[in-house]
Amino acid sequence: MRACIQTPLFPKVFTTRKRFKNQILLGIGGNVGDCLKRFKHFILYLQNNPLVQVLSTSIIYKNPPFGYAHQADFYNFTLQISTNQSLIDCFQMIFYWERRFGRARKRVFPNAPRTLDIDLLYFNQVKLHRPYLQIPHKEWQNRESVLIPLSFHTLV
């Protein structure tokens, strides 16, 4: 079932303070356990992280899985942050954040259920094509799980 969830878990636009130089857009998702609670803890964790500044979030979008269909629906939202960390450091931070919030790096199969999935959608105006990383994210424009939350996202 597809549904947009207007949630009081976190505000759409955060109070502003000095921004870091790099602007990043992340796609966040999950379908294992209490995703809404995990998302709230993740946002609070980022708000207390001196390396990043949370700028804004979208609504949360509940949608059916793709690829492997015999699993729970996904919850997805987009998140804008800023940081002074390099692109490679951000990529490493994302892996760390996923592990910190319960995601195993090794998946049993592609599109397997996961506690927290973080996709690096944009990093400034960078265009990068590597076997392990493509920016902008190669599938962002084909995924409702990104497009619908993004349409409700206020970028600051």
N, C-alpha and C. Protein backbone atom coordinates (compact mmCIF):
# COMPACT_ATOMS: atom_id res chain seq x y z
N MET A 1 0.83 -1.18 0.00
CA MET A 1 0.00 0.00 0.00
C MET A 1 0.88 1.25 0.00
N ARG A 2 0.60 2.15 -0.92
CA ARG A 2 1.34 3.41 -0.98
C ARG A 2 0.63 4.45 -0.13
N ALA A 3 1.39 5.17 0.65
CA ALA A 3 0.81 6.22 1.49
C ALA A 3 1.88 7.20 1.91
N CYS A 4 1.52 8.46 1.98
CA CYS A 4 2.41 9.48 2.52
C CYS A 4 2.05 9.67 3.98
N ILE A 5 3.05 9.74 4.80
CA ILE A 5 2.83 9.90 6.23
C ILE A 5 3.35 11.26 6.64
N GLN A 6 2.46 12.15 7.01
CA GLN A 6 2.90 13.43 7.56
C GLN A 6 3.15 13.16 9.03
N THR A 7 4.38 13.18 9.42
CA THR A 7 4.74 12.70 10.74
C THR A 7 5.31 13.79 11.63
N PRO A 8 4.96 13.78 12.91
CA PRO A 8 5.57 14.72 13.84
C PRO A 8 6.92 14.24 14.37
N LEU A 9 7.47 13.17 13.77
CA LEU A 9 8.74 12.62 14.26
C LEU A 9 9.88 13.63 14.16
N PHE A 10 9.88 14.42 13.13
CA PHE A 10 10.89 15.45 12.99
C PHE A 10 10.35 16.55 12.10
N PRO A 11 10.82 17.78 12.32
CA PRO A 11 10.32 18.90 11.52
C PRO A 11 10.81 18.80 10.08
N LYS A 12 10.08 19.41 9.18
CA LYS A 12 10.45 19.39 7.78
C LYS A 12 11.69 20.24 7.51
N VAL A 13 11.76 21.41 8.13
CA VAL A 13 12.91 22.29 7.97
C VAL A 13 13.48 22.57 9.35
N PHE A 14 14.77 22.45 9.49
CA PHE A 14 15.42 22.61 10.77
C PHE A 14 15.91 24.04 10.93
N THR A 15 16.12 24.44 12.16
CA THR A 15 16.65 25.77 12.39
C THR A 15 18.02 25.87 11.75
N THR A 16 18.30 27.01 11.21
CA THR A 16 19.56 27.16 10.50
C THR A 16 20.64 27.73 11.40
N ARG A 17 21.82 27.28 11.17
CA ARG A 17 23.02 27.85 11.76
C ARG A 17 24.06 27.82 10.65
N LYS A 18 25.28 28.06 10.94
CA LYS A 18 26.29 28.06 9.89
C LYS A 18 26.29 26.74 9.12
N ARG A 19 26.16 26.85 7.83
CA ARG A 19 26.21 25.66 6.98
C ARG A 19 27.64 25.29 6.65
N PHE A 20 27.82 24.00 6.47
CA PHE A 20 29.11 23.52 5.98
C PHE A 20 29.14 23.70 4.46
N LYS A 21 30.30 23.49 3.85
CA LYS A 21 30.47 23.79 2.43
C LYS A 21 29.79 22.78 1.49
N ASN A 22 29.67 21.52 1.87
CA ASN A 22 29.11 20.51 0.97
C ASN A 22 27.64 20.25 1.27
N GLN A 23 26.83 20.31 0.22
CA GLN A 23 25.39 20.05 0.32
C GLN A 23 25.11 18.65 -0.21
N ILE A 24 24.39 17.86 0.58
CA ILE A 24 24.18 16.46 0.26
C ILE A 24 22.69 16.13 0.38
N LEU A 25 22.21 15.33 -0.56
CA LEU A 25 20.84 14.84 -0.48
C LEU A 25 20.91 13.32 -0.35
N LEU A 26 20.24 12.81 0.68
CA LEU A 26 20.24 11.38 0.95
C LEU A 26 18.83 10.82 0.79
N GLY A 27 18.74 9.59 0.30
CA GLY A 27 17.50 8.84 0.31
C GLY A 27 17.59 7.84 1.44
N ILE A 28 16.60 7.85 2.33
CA ILE A 28 16.62 7.00 3.52
C ILE A 28 15.45 6.03 3.44
N GLY A 29 15.69 4.78 3.77
CA GLY A 29 14.62 3.79 3.76
C GLY A 29 14.86 2.66 4.73
N GLY A 30 13.83 1.88 4.93
CA GLY A 30 13.93 0.70 5.78
C GLY A 30 12.60 -0.03 5.81
N ASN A 31 12.67 -1.33 6.15
CA ASN A 31 11.44 -2.12 6.27
C ASN A 31 11.53 -3.24 7.31
N VAL A 32 12.50 -3.14 8.20
CA VAL A 32 12.66 -4.14 9.25
C VAL A 32 12.50 -3.45 10.61
N GLY A 33 11.64 -4.00 11.44
CA GLY A 33 11.45 -3.43 12.78
C GLY A 33 10.64 -2.15 12.75
N ASP A 34 10.81 -1.34 13.78
CA ASP A 34 10.08 -0.08 13.91
C ASP A 34 10.84 1.01 13.17
N CYS A 35 10.58 1.13 11.89
CA CYS A 35 11.32 2.08 11.04
C CYS A 35 11.13 3.51 11.47
N LEU A 36 9.91 3.89 11.84
CA LEU A 36 9.66 5.28 12.22
C LEU A 36 10.46 5.66 13.47
N LYS A 37 10.52 4.76 14.42
CA LYS A 37 11.32 5.00 15.63
C LYS A 37 12.81 5.08 15.27
N ARG A 38 13.26 4.20 14.40
CA ARG A 38 14.67 4.20 13.99
C ARG A 38 15.00 5.50 13.25
N PHE A 39 14.10 5.95 12.37
CA PHE A 39 14.33 7.20 11.65
C PHE A 39 14.45 8.37 12.63
N LYS A 40 13.58 8.39 13.62
CA LYS A 40 13.64 9.46 14.63
C LYS A 40 14.98 9.45 15.35
N HIS A 41 15.44 8.27 15.75
CA HIS A 41 16.73 8.15 16.43
C HIS A 41 17.87 8.55 15.50
N PHE A 42 17.75 8.21 14.23
CA PHE A 42 18.78 8.55 13.26
C PHE A 42 18.88 10.08 13.10
N ILE A 43 17.74 10.75 12.98
CA ILE A 43 17.75 12.21 12.86
C ILE A 43 18.34 12.85 14.12
N LEU A 44 17.95 12.36 15.29
CA LEU A 44 18.50 12.89 16.55
C LEU A 44 20.01 12.67 16.62
N TYR A 45 20.45 11.49 16.17
CA TYR A 45 21.88 11.18 16.13
C TYR A 45 22.62 12.19 15.23
N LEU A 46 22.05 12.45 14.05
CA LEU A 46 22.69 13.39 13.13
C LEU A 46 22.69 14.81 13.68
N GLN A 47 21.62 15.19 14.35
CA GLN A 47 21.56 16.54 14.93
C GLN A 47 22.65 16.75 15.99
N ASN A 48 23.09 15.68 16.61
CA ASN A 48 24.13 15.76 17.63
C ASN A 48 25.52 15.45 17.09
N ASN A 49 25.62 15.22 15.79
CA ASN A 49 26.89 14.89 15.16
C ASN A 49 27.56 16.18 14.70
N PRO A 50 28.74 16.52 15.23
CA PRO A 50 29.38 17.78 14.86
C PRO A 50 29.88 17.83 13.41
N LEU A 51 29.91 16.68 12.73
CA LEU A 51 30.41 16.65 11.36
C LEU A 51 29.35 16.99 10.31
N VAL A 52 28.08 16.99 10.72
CA VAL A 52 27.00 17.26 9.77
C VAL A 52 26.00 18.23 10.37
N GLN A 53 25.26 18.86 9.48
CA GLN A 53 24.13 19.68 9.88
C GLN A 53 22.91 19.21 9.11
N VAL A 54 21.85 18.88 9.83
CA VAL A 54 20.59 18.49 9.20
C VAL A 54 19.90 19.77 8.76
N LEU A 55 19.56 19.85 7.48
CA LEU A 55 18.92 21.05 6.95
C LEU A 55 17.41 20.87 6.78
N SER A 56 17.00 19.75 6.20
CA SER A 56 15.57 19.54 5.99
C SER A 56 15.29 18.07 5.69
N THR A 57 14.02 17.72 5.83
CA THR A 57 13.55 16.36 5.53
C THR A 57 12.27 16.45 4.72
N SER A 58 11.91 15.34 4.12
CA SER A 58 10.64 15.24 3.41
C SER A 58 9.62 14.54 4.30
N ILE A 59 8.45 14.34 3.74
CA ILE A 59 7.47 13.46 4.38
C ILE A 59 8.02 12.03 4.29
N ILE A 60 7.42 11.12 5.03
CA ILE A 60 7.77 9.70 4.94
C ILE A 60 6.76 9.04 4.01
N TYR A 61 7.27 8.25 3.10
CA TYR A 61 6.45 7.59 2.09
C TYR A 61 6.50 6.08 2.32
N LYS A 62 5.34 5.46 2.46
CA LYS A 62 5.25 4.00 2.62
C LYS A 62 4.92 3.41 1.26
N ASN A 63 5.73 2.47 0.82
CA ASN A 63 5.53 1.89 -0.50
C ASN A 63 5.91 0.42 -0.53
N PRO A 64 5.34 -0.33 -1.48
CA PRO A 64 5.67 -1.75 -1.58
C PRO A 64 7.11 -1.96 -2.03
N PRO A 65 7.69 -3.08 -1.66
CA PRO A 65 9.07 -3.37 -2.07
C PRO A 65 9.14 -3.66 -3.57
N PHE A 66 10.31 -3.47 -4.14
CA PHE A 66 10.53 -3.89 -5.53
C PHE A 66 11.69 -4.87 -5.54
N GLY A 67 11.85 -5.57 -6.62
CA GLY A 67 12.87 -6.61 -6.66
C GLY A 67 12.33 -7.85 -5.98
N TYR A 68 12.68 -8.04 -4.74
CA TYR A 68 12.16 -9.15 -3.94
C TYR A 68 10.87 -8.66 -3.27
N ALA A 69 9.74 -9.17 -3.75
CA ALA A 69 8.43 -8.65 -3.33
C ALA A 69 7.89 -9.28 -2.05
N HIS A 70 8.44 -10.39 -1.59
CA HIS A 70 7.91 -11.11 -0.42
C HIS A 70 8.55 -10.60 0.87
N GLN A 71 8.33 -9.31 1.14
CA GLN A 71 8.85 -8.68 2.34
C GLN A 71 7.94 -7.52 2.70
N ALA A 72 8.15 -6.96 3.86
CA ALA A 72 7.32 -5.85 4.34
C ALA A 72 7.48 -4.61 3.46
N ASP A 73 6.46 -3.74 3.50
CA ASP A 73 6.55 -2.47 2.79
C ASP A 73 7.71 -1.64 3.34
N PHE A 74 8.20 -0.75 2.52
CA PHE A 74 9.28 0.15 2.90
C PHE A 74 8.74 1.51 3.33
N TYR A 75 9.46 2.14 4.21
CA TYR A 75 9.24 3.54 4.57
C TYR A 75 10.45 4.29 4.03
N ASN A 76 10.19 5.39 3.32
CA ASN A 76 11.27 6.17 2.71
C ASN A 76 11.06 7.66 2.92
N PHE A 77 12.17 8.38 3.03
CA PHE A 77 12.13 9.84 3.02
C PHE A 77 13.46 10.35 2.49
N THR A 78 13.49 11.64 2.17
CA THR A 78 14.73 12.26 1.73
C THR A 78 15.20 13.23 2.82
N LEU A 79 16.50 13.42 2.85
CA LEU A 79 17.12 14.20 3.91
C LEU A 79 18.23 15.05 3.31
N GLN A 80 18.20 16.34 3.57
CA GLN A 80 19.26 17.23 3.11
C GLN A 80 20.15 17.56 4.30
N ILE A 81 21.45 17.37 4.11
CA ILE A 81 22.43 17.70 5.14
C ILE A 81 23.55 18.52 4.52
N SER A 82 24.37 19.11 5.36
CA SER A 82 25.60 19.74 4.90
C SER A 82 26.74 19.25 5.78
N THR A 83 27.95 19.29 5.23
CA THR A 83 29.13 18.82 5.94
C THR A 83 30.38 19.42 5.29
N ASN A 84 31.47 19.38 5.99
CA ASN A 84 32.76 19.72 5.41
C ASN A 84 33.53 18.46 5.00
N GLN A 85 32.96 17.31 5.24
CA GLN A 85 33.61 16.05 4.88
C GLN A 85 33.68 15.89 3.36
N SER A 86 34.72 15.23 2.89
CA SER A 86 34.88 14.97 1.46
C SER A 86 33.85 13.93 1.00
N LEU A 87 33.72 13.78 -0.29
CA LEU A 87 32.80 12.80 -0.86
C LEU A 87 33.12 11.39 -0.35
N ILE A 88 34.37 11.01 -0.38
CA ILE A 88 34.77 9.66 0.08
C ILE A 88 34.50 9.51 1.57
N ASP A 89 34.78 10.53 2.37
CA ASP A 89 34.49 10.48 3.80
C ASP A 89 32.98 10.34 4.04
N CYS A 90 32.18 11.04 3.25
CA CYS A 90 30.72 10.92 3.38
C CYS A 90 30.26 9.51 3.05
N PHE A 91 30.82 8.96 2.00
CA PHE A 91 30.49 7.59 1.60
C PHE A 91 30.80 6.62 2.75
N GLN A 92 31.94 6.79 3.40
CA GLN A 92 32.31 5.95 4.54
C GLN A 92 31.40 6.21 5.74
N MET A 93 31.02 7.48 5.96
CA MET A 93 30.11 7.79 7.07
C MET A 93 28.76 7.10 6.87
N ILE A 94 28.28 7.08 5.65
CA ILE A 94 26.99 6.44 5.36
C ILE A 94 27.04 4.97 5.71
N PHE A 95 28.12 4.28 5.33
CA PHE A 95 28.26 2.86 5.70
C PHE A 95 28.26 2.70 7.22
N TYR A 96 28.97 3.60 7.90
CA TYR A 96 29.02 3.54 9.36
C TYR A 96 27.62 3.75 9.94
N TRP A 97 26.90 4.75 9.45
CA TRP A 97 25.54 5.01 9.95
C TRP A 97 24.63 3.82 9.76
N GLU A 98 24.70 3.19 8.59
CA GLU A 98 23.86 2.01 8.34
C GLU A 98 24.18 0.90 9.34
N ARG A 99 25.45 0.64 9.56
CA ARG A 99 25.84 -0.41 10.52
C ARG A 99 25.42 -0.02 11.93
N ARG A 100 25.60 1.24 12.30
CA ARG A 100 25.25 1.72 13.64
C ARG A 100 23.77 1.52 13.93
N PHE A 101 22.94 1.59 12.90
CA PHE A 101 21.51 1.44 13.06
C PHE A 101 21.01 0.06 12.60
N GLY A 102 21.92 -0.93 12.66
CA GLY A 102 21.52 -2.33 12.55
C GLY A 102 21.58 -2.98 11.20
N ARG A 103 22.08 -2.32 10.18
CA ARG A 103 22.13 -2.95 8.87
C ARG A 103 23.43 -3.72 8.70
N ALA A 104 23.29 -4.96 8.27
CA ALA A 104 24.47 -5.76 7.93
C ALA A 104 24.93 -5.36 6.53
N ARG A 105 26.21 -5.23 6.30
CA ARG A 105 26.71 -4.86 4.97
C ARG A 105 26.50 -5.98 3.97
N LYS A 106 26.68 -7.20 4.41
CA LYS A 106 26.48 -8.34 3.52
C LYS A 106 25.01 -8.68 3.50
N ARG A 107 24.41 -8.61 2.32
CA ARG A 107 23.01 -8.97 2.18
C ARG A 107 22.93 -10.41 1.66
N VAL A 108 21.94 -11.12 2.13
CA VAL A 108 21.76 -12.50 1.69
C VAL A 108 21.47 -12.55 0.20
N PHE A 109 20.73 -11.55 -0.31
CA PHE A 109 20.39 -11.45 -1.72
C PHE A 109 20.07 -9.99 -2.04
N PRO A 110 20.11 -9.61 -3.32
CA PRO A 110 19.79 -8.22 -3.67
C PRO A 110 18.37 -7.84 -3.24
N ASN A 111 18.20 -6.60 -2.85
CA ASN A 111 16.90 -6.06 -2.42
C ASN A 111 16.32 -6.77 -1.20
N ALA A 112 17.19 -7.33 -0.38
CA ALA A 112 16.75 -8.01 0.85
C ALA A 112 16.22 -6.99 1.85
N PRO A 113 15.40 -7.42 2.81
CA PRO A 113 14.92 -6.50 3.85
C PRO A 113 16.10 -5.89 4.60
N ARG A 114 15.90 -4.65 5.08
CA ARG A 114 16.98 -3.97 5.81
C ARG A 114 16.43 -2.97 6.81
N THR A 115 17.21 -2.78 7.86
CA THR A 115 16.81 -1.86 8.93
C THR A 115 16.95 -0.41 8.49
N LEU A 116 18.05 -0.09 7.83
CA LEU A 116 18.29 1.27 7.38
C LEU A 116 19.10 1.22 6.08
N ASP A 117 18.55 1.85 5.06
CA ASP A 117 19.22 1.94 3.76
C ASP A 117 19.42 3.42 3.47
N ILE A 118 20.65 3.82 3.22
CA ILE A 118 20.96 5.22 2.93
C ILE A 118 21.61 5.30 1.56
N ASP A 119 20.95 6.01 0.66
CA ASP A 119 21.50 6.23 -0.68
C ASP A 119 21.98 7.66 -0.79
N LEU A 120 23.18 7.82 -1.29
CA LEU A 120 23.74 9.14 -1.57
C LEU A 120 23.21 9.57 -2.93
N LEU A 121 22.22 10.46 -2.93
CA LEU A 121 21.57 10.88 -4.17
C LEU A 121 22.35 11.97 -4.89
N TYR A 122 22.77 12.99 -4.13
CA TYR A 122 23.51 14.12 -4.68
C TYR A 122 24.59 14.56 -3.70
N PHE A 123 25.68 15.05 -4.26
CA PHE A 123 26.75 15.67 -3.48
C PHE A 123 27.18 16.90 -4.25
N ASN A 124 26.74 18.08 -3.77
CA ASN A 124 26.99 19.33 -4.49
C ASN A 124 26.53 19.16 -5.95
N GLN A 125 27.35 19.56 -6.87
CA GLN A 125 27.04 19.40 -8.30
C GLN A 125 27.92 18.32 -8.93
N VAL A 126 28.46 17.44 -8.10
CA VAL A 126 29.39 16.41 -8.55
C VAL A 126 28.69 15.41 -9.47
N LYS A 127 29.40 15.04 -10.53
CA LYS A 127 28.98 13.94 -11.39
C LYS A 127 30.12 12.94 -11.36
N LEU A 128 29.81 11.72 -10.94
CA LEU A 128 30.84 10.71 -10.74
C LEU A 128 30.31 9.35 -11.20
N HIS A 129 31.13 8.62 -11.93
CA HIS A 129 30.75 7.28 -12.39
C HIS A 129 31.88 6.31 -12.05
N ARG A 130 31.68 5.58 -10.98
CA ARG A 130 32.64 4.55 -10.54
C ARG A 130 31.87 3.25 -10.37
N PRO A 131 32.54 2.11 -10.39
CA PRO A 131 31.82 0.84 -10.20
C PRO A 131 31.09 0.77 -8.85
N TYR A 132 31.63 1.40 -7.83
CA TYR A 132 31.06 1.33 -6.49
C TYR A 132 30.19 2.53 -6.12
N LEU A 133 30.21 3.59 -6.94
CA LEU A 133 29.48 4.81 -6.61
C LEU A 133 29.20 5.62 -7.86
N GLN A 134 27.93 6.01 -8.00
CA GLN A 134 27.54 6.90 -9.09
C GLN A 134 26.76 8.07 -8.49
N ILE A 135 27.16 9.30 -8.85
CA ILE A 135 26.49 10.50 -8.38
C ILE A 135 26.22 11.39 -9.60
N PRO A 136 24.99 11.88 -9.76
CA PRO A 136 23.83 11.57 -8.94
C PRO A 136 23.53 10.07 -8.97
N HIS A 137 22.81 9.61 -7.96
CA HIS A 137 22.48 8.19 -7.84
C HIS A 137 21.84 7.71 -9.15
N LYS A 138 22.29 6.58 -9.66
CA LYS A 138 21.89 6.15 -11.00
C LYS A 138 20.41 5.84 -11.16
N GLU A 139 19.71 5.50 -10.09
CA GLU A 139 18.30 5.11 -10.21
C GLU A 139 17.32 6.10 -9.58
N TRP A 140 17.79 7.24 -9.09
CA TRP A 140 16.90 8.13 -8.34
C TRP A 140 15.66 8.51 -9.14
N GLN A 141 15.80 8.78 -10.41
CA GLN A 141 14.67 9.25 -11.20
C GLN A 141 13.69 8.14 -11.56
N ASN A 142 14.01 6.89 -11.26
CA ASN A 142 13.13 5.76 -11.55
C ASN A 142 12.44 5.21 -10.31
N ARG A 143 12.67 5.81 -9.16
CA ARG A 143 12.14 5.26 -7.91
C ARG A 143 11.12 6.18 -7.26
N GLU A 144 9.91 5.68 -7.14
CA GLU A 144 8.88 6.43 -6.42
C GLU A 144 9.33 6.71 -4.99
N SER A 145 10.11 5.80 -4.42
CA SER A 145 10.58 5.94 -3.04
C SER A 145 11.48 7.16 -2.87
N VAL A 146 11.98 7.72 -3.96
CA VAL A 146 12.76 8.96 -3.93
C VAL A 146 11.92 10.12 -4.48
N LEU A 147 11.28 9.91 -5.62
CA LEU A 147 10.57 11.00 -6.30
C LEU A 147 9.42 11.57 -5.47
N ILE A 148 8.63 10.72 -4.85
CA ILE A 148 7.48 11.23 -4.08
C ILE A 148 7.94 11.97 -2.83
N PRO A 149 8.82 11.41 -1.99
CA PRO A 149 9.31 12.22 -0.87
C PRO A 149 9.99 13.51 -1.32
N LEU A 150 10.76 13.42 -2.39
CA LEU A 150 11.46 14.61 -2.90
C LEU A 150 10.49 15.70 -3.33
N SER A 151 9.35 15.31 -3.84
CA SER A 151 8.36 16.31 -4.27
C SER A 151 7.76 17.05 -3.08
N PHE A 152 7.89 16.48 -1.87
CA PHE A 152 7.40 17.12 -0.66
C PHE A 152 8.55 17.66 0.20
N HIS A 153 9.69 17.82 -0.41
CA HIS A 153 10.90 18.23 0.31
C HIS A 153 11.14 19.71 0.09
N THR A 154 11.38 20.42 1.14
CA THR A 154 11.71 21.83 1.04
C THR A 154 13.23 21.97 1.19
N LEU A 155 13.90 22.25 0.10
CA LEU A 155 15.34 22.43 0.17
C LEU A 155 15.63 23.84 0.62
N VAL A 156 16.60 23.97 1.51
CA VAL A 156 16.94 25.30 2.03
C VAL A 156 18.28 25.75 1.53
